[in-house]
Amino acid sequence: MLFFATFLPLLALVSATPLTKRYSGAKIQSSRDSKCLSPNSNDYSNGVQVVTVSCDQAQTWDINPGSGSVILHGTNFALDAGTGSDNNEGVKIWTSYPGLFQQTWFLTGDQRIAITGGNQCLDEGDNGPQTYQCTPYNTNQVWNIIDGSGPAPSSTSSGPTPSRTCTAWSN
């Protein structure tokens, strides 16, 4: 009986710990112009450029707050930064290799998506999404997570689905 009396408060403490929300089927929206990330083609293959489009036409992503891959929902393609170390390098989709440097992103507390262990952030430049040195107060590097509420991507879409804004991640 003493065992239960001692460990019951600890059990309550552990069960009260909030779980971090995983975003599945979410859209990634730029604060610069409110457009969303999407592959430039519905023909998903290695090297397809990622662009920004109207959010009602954008594909969705699976994102874990903290460090990990950003996966095109319903596929095995990850958001890929190329070398992950150069400014102005366009981002693309590539077969997911968990732990690969250029595919391991970190969702920061100030709404940036940065290469884990590097100094490059996802940035919406004049020519589209790219990597660029993480810079304070650079609104090109601020991204919102939007609930996609839609099906996995396919080359035959049934049309756009409404979006609901999610709470931004926090660390």
Protein backbone atom coordinates (compact mmCIF):
# COMPACT_ATOMS: atom_id res chain seq x y z
CA MET A 1 0.00 0.00 0.00
CA LEU A 2 2.88 2.33 0.78
CA PHE A 3 4.18 1.63 -2.76
CA PHE A 4 1.00 2.97 -4.36
CA ALA A 5 0.83 5.97 -2.03
CA THR A 6 4.41 6.90 -2.95
CA PHE A 7 4.15 6.50 -6.72
CA LEU A 8 0.58 7.66 -7.36
CA PRO A 9 1.54 11.39 -7.30
CA LEU A 10 4.39 10.67 -9.74
CA LEU A 11 2.01 8.89 -12.09
CA ALA A 12 -0.31 11.90 -12.05
CA LEU A 13 2.61 14.20 -12.85
CA VAL A 14 3.73 12.07 -15.81
CA SER A 15 0.22 11.79 -17.23
CA ALA A 16 -0.22 15.59 -16.96
CA THR A 17 2.76 16.24 -19.23
CA PRO A 18 1.45 17.61 -22.56
CA LEU A 19 2.29 15.77 -25.74
CA THR A 20 3.84 17.68 -28.62
CA LYS A 21 1.44 17.90 -31.54
CA ARG A 22 2.53 16.30 -34.79
CA TYR A 23 1.19 18.07 -37.84
CA SER A 24 -0.10 15.60 -40.42
CA GLY A 25 -1.49 16.86 -43.69
CA ALA A 26 -0.58 20.46 -42.83
CA LYS A 27 0.24 23.35 -45.11
CA ILE A 28 3.31 25.52 -44.62
CA GLN A 29 2.40 29.17 -45.20
CA SER A 30 4.86 32.01 -45.74
CA SER A 31 4.36 35.11 -43.62
CA ARG A 32 5.81 37.12 -46.51
CA ASP A 33 2.88 36.71 -48.90
CA SER A 34 0.58 34.10 -47.28
CA LYS A 35 1.34 31.54 -50.01
CA CYS A 36 2.05 27.89 -49.16
CA LEU A 37 4.87 25.47 -50.00
CA SER A 38 4.12 22.88 -52.66
CA PRO A 39 6.08 20.83 -55.20
CA ASN A 40 6.13 22.50 -58.62
CA SER A 41 4.66 19.36 -60.19
CA ASN A 42 2.22 16.59 -59.32
CA ASP A 43 4.76 14.19 -60.81
CA TYR A 44 6.65 13.51 -57.60
CA SER A 45 10.26 12.58 -58.23
CA ASN A 46 13.70 13.45 -56.93
CA GLY A 47 14.67 17.05 -57.64
CA VAL A 48 11.21 18.56 -58.20
CA GLN A 49 11.48 22.19 -57.07
CA VAL A 50 9.35 23.41 -54.18
CA VAL A 51 7.51 26.67 -54.88
CA THR A 52 4.88 28.79 -53.15
CA VAL A 53 1.32 28.74 -54.47
CA SER A 54 -2.10 29.82 -53.29
CA CYS A 55 -2.78 27.79 -50.15
CA ASP A 56 -6.02 26.36 -51.57
CA GLN A 57 -3.90 24.70 -54.30
CA ALA A 58 -0.94 23.64 -52.13
CA GLN A 59 -0.06 20.08 -51.20
CA THR A 60 0.26 19.12 -47.55
CA TRP A 61 3.17 18.05 -45.35
CA ASP A 62 3.81 15.97 -42.24
CA ILE A 63 5.85 17.92 -39.69
CA ASN A 64 7.12 17.10 -36.22
CA PRO A 65 7.90 20.07 -33.97
CA GLY A 66 11.56 19.89 -33.04
CA SER A 67 14.09 18.20 -35.27
CA GLY A 68 13.15 15.84 -38.11
CA SER A 69 12.13 15.49 -41.72
CA VAL A 70 9.36 17.51 -43.34
CA ILE A 71 7.57 14.89 -45.49
CA LEU A 72 5.20 15.49 -48.40
CA HIS A 73 2.00 13.99 -46.99
CA GLY A 74 1.21 10.50 -48.24
CA THR A 75 4.61 10.05 -49.93
CA ASN A 76 8.20 9.13 -49.11
CA PHE A 77 9.51 12.52 -50.32
CA ALA A 78 11.13 14.99 -47.94
CA LEU A 79 11.80 18.71 -48.14
CA ASP A 80 15.46 18.81 -49.21
CA ALA A 81 17.89 21.75 -48.99
CA GLY A 82 20.56 20.45 -51.38
CA THR A 83 23.88 21.00 -49.63
CA GLY A 84 22.07 22.77 -46.80
CA SER A 85 24.97 25.19 -46.35
CA ASP A 86 24.66 27.79 -49.12
CA ASN A 87 22.55 30.94 -49.40
CA ASN A 88 19.98 31.12 -52.21
CA GLU A 89 19.89 27.36 -52.77
CA GLY A 90 16.44 26.32 -54.01
CA VAL A 91 14.62 23.66 -52.02
CA LYS A 92 13.18 20.54 -53.62
CA ILE A 93 11.64 17.20 -52.76
CA TRP A 94 13.83 14.11 -52.60
CA THR A 95 13.37 10.54 -51.42
CA SER A 96 13.37 10.68 -47.63
CA TYR A 97 16.52 9.53 -45.87
CA PRO A 98 15.86 10.15 -42.14
CA GLY A 99 18.84 11.83 -40.50
CA LEU A 100 20.30 13.16 -43.75
CA PHE A 101 21.67 16.66 -42.98
CA GLN A 102 19.88 18.51 -45.78
CA GLN A 103 16.55 16.86 -44.90
CA THR A 104 16.65 17.40 -41.14
CA TRP A 105 14.80 20.56 -40.21
CA PHE A 106 14.10 22.18 -36.85
CA LEU A 107 10.92 24.14 -36.17
CA THR A 108 12.06 27.03 -34.01
CA GLY A 109 10.11 28.86 -31.33
CA ASP A 110 9.99 31.99 -33.50
CA GLN A 111 8.30 30.21 -36.44
CA ARG A 112 11.38 29.51 -38.53
CA ILE A 113 12.24 26.24 -40.25
CA ALA A 114 16.00 25.78 -39.95
CA ILE A 115 18.47 23.09 -40.97
CA THR A 116 19.29 21.18 -37.78
CA GLY A 117 22.91 21.78 -36.80
CA GLY A 118 23.41 24.42 -39.50
CA ASN A 119 22.88 28.14 -39.91
CA GLN A 120 20.46 28.03 -42.87
CA CYS A 121 16.73 28.73 -42.65
CA LEU A 122 13.93 28.12 -45.11
CA ASP A 123 13.50 31.53 -46.73
CA GLU A 124 11.03 32.83 -49.30
CA GLY A 125 13.29 34.77 -51.63
CA ASP A 126 12.35 36.71 -54.74
CA ASN A 127 12.77 33.53 -56.82
CA GLY A 128 10.85 31.26 -54.44
CA PRO A 129 11.67 29.07 -51.45
CA GLN A 130 15.38 28.76 -50.77
CA THR A 131 17.88 28.37 -47.96
CA TYR A 132 19.42 31.49 -46.51
CA GLN A 133 21.46 32.28 -43.41
CA CYS A 134 19.10 32.52 -40.44
CA THR A 135 18.71 36.23 -39.79
CA PRO A 136 16.81 37.87 -36.90
CA TYR A 137 13.74 39.89 -37.94
CA ASN A 138 13.80 38.50 -41.49
CA THR A 139 10.10 38.00 -42.27
CA ASN A 140 11.03 35.96 -45.36
CA GLN A 141 11.97 33.22 -42.87
CA VAL A 142 8.73 33.17 -40.85
CA TRP A 143 6.33 30.31 -41.64
CA ASN A 144 2.91 29.34 -40.28
CA ILE A 145 1.58 25.81 -39.98
CA ILE A 146 -1.96 25.53 -41.39
CA ASP A 147 -4.19 22.49 -40.91
CA GLY A 148 -4.44 20.96 -44.39
CA SER A 149 -7.63 18.98 -43.77
CA GLY A 150 -7.20 17.28 -47.10
CA PRO A 151 -6.37 13.95 -48.70
CA ALA A 152 -2.90 12.71 -49.56
CA PRO A 153 -1.53 14.24 -52.77
CA SER A 154 -2.35 12.71 -56.11
CA SER A 155 -2.08 13.79 -59.71
CA THR A 156 -5.88 13.82 -59.92
CA SER A 157 -7.15 16.22 -57.29
CA SER A 158 -10.80 16.61 -56.39
CA GLY A 159 -10.25 20.33 -55.75
CA PRO A 160 -9.17 22.51 -52.88
CA THR A 161 -10.22 21.87 -49.33
CA PRO A 162 -10.86 24.50 -46.69
CA SER A 163 -8.07 25.26 -44.24
CA ARG A 164 -8.13 25.95 -40.52
CA THR A 165 -5.28 27.76 -38.86
CA CYS A 166 -3.41 25.73 -36.24
CA THR A 167 -1.54 27.10 -33.30
CA ALA A 168 2.10 27.65 -34.20
CA TRP A 169 4.60 25.27 -32.66
CA SER A 170 6.46 26.22 -29.53
CA ASN A 171 9.61 25.04 -27.84
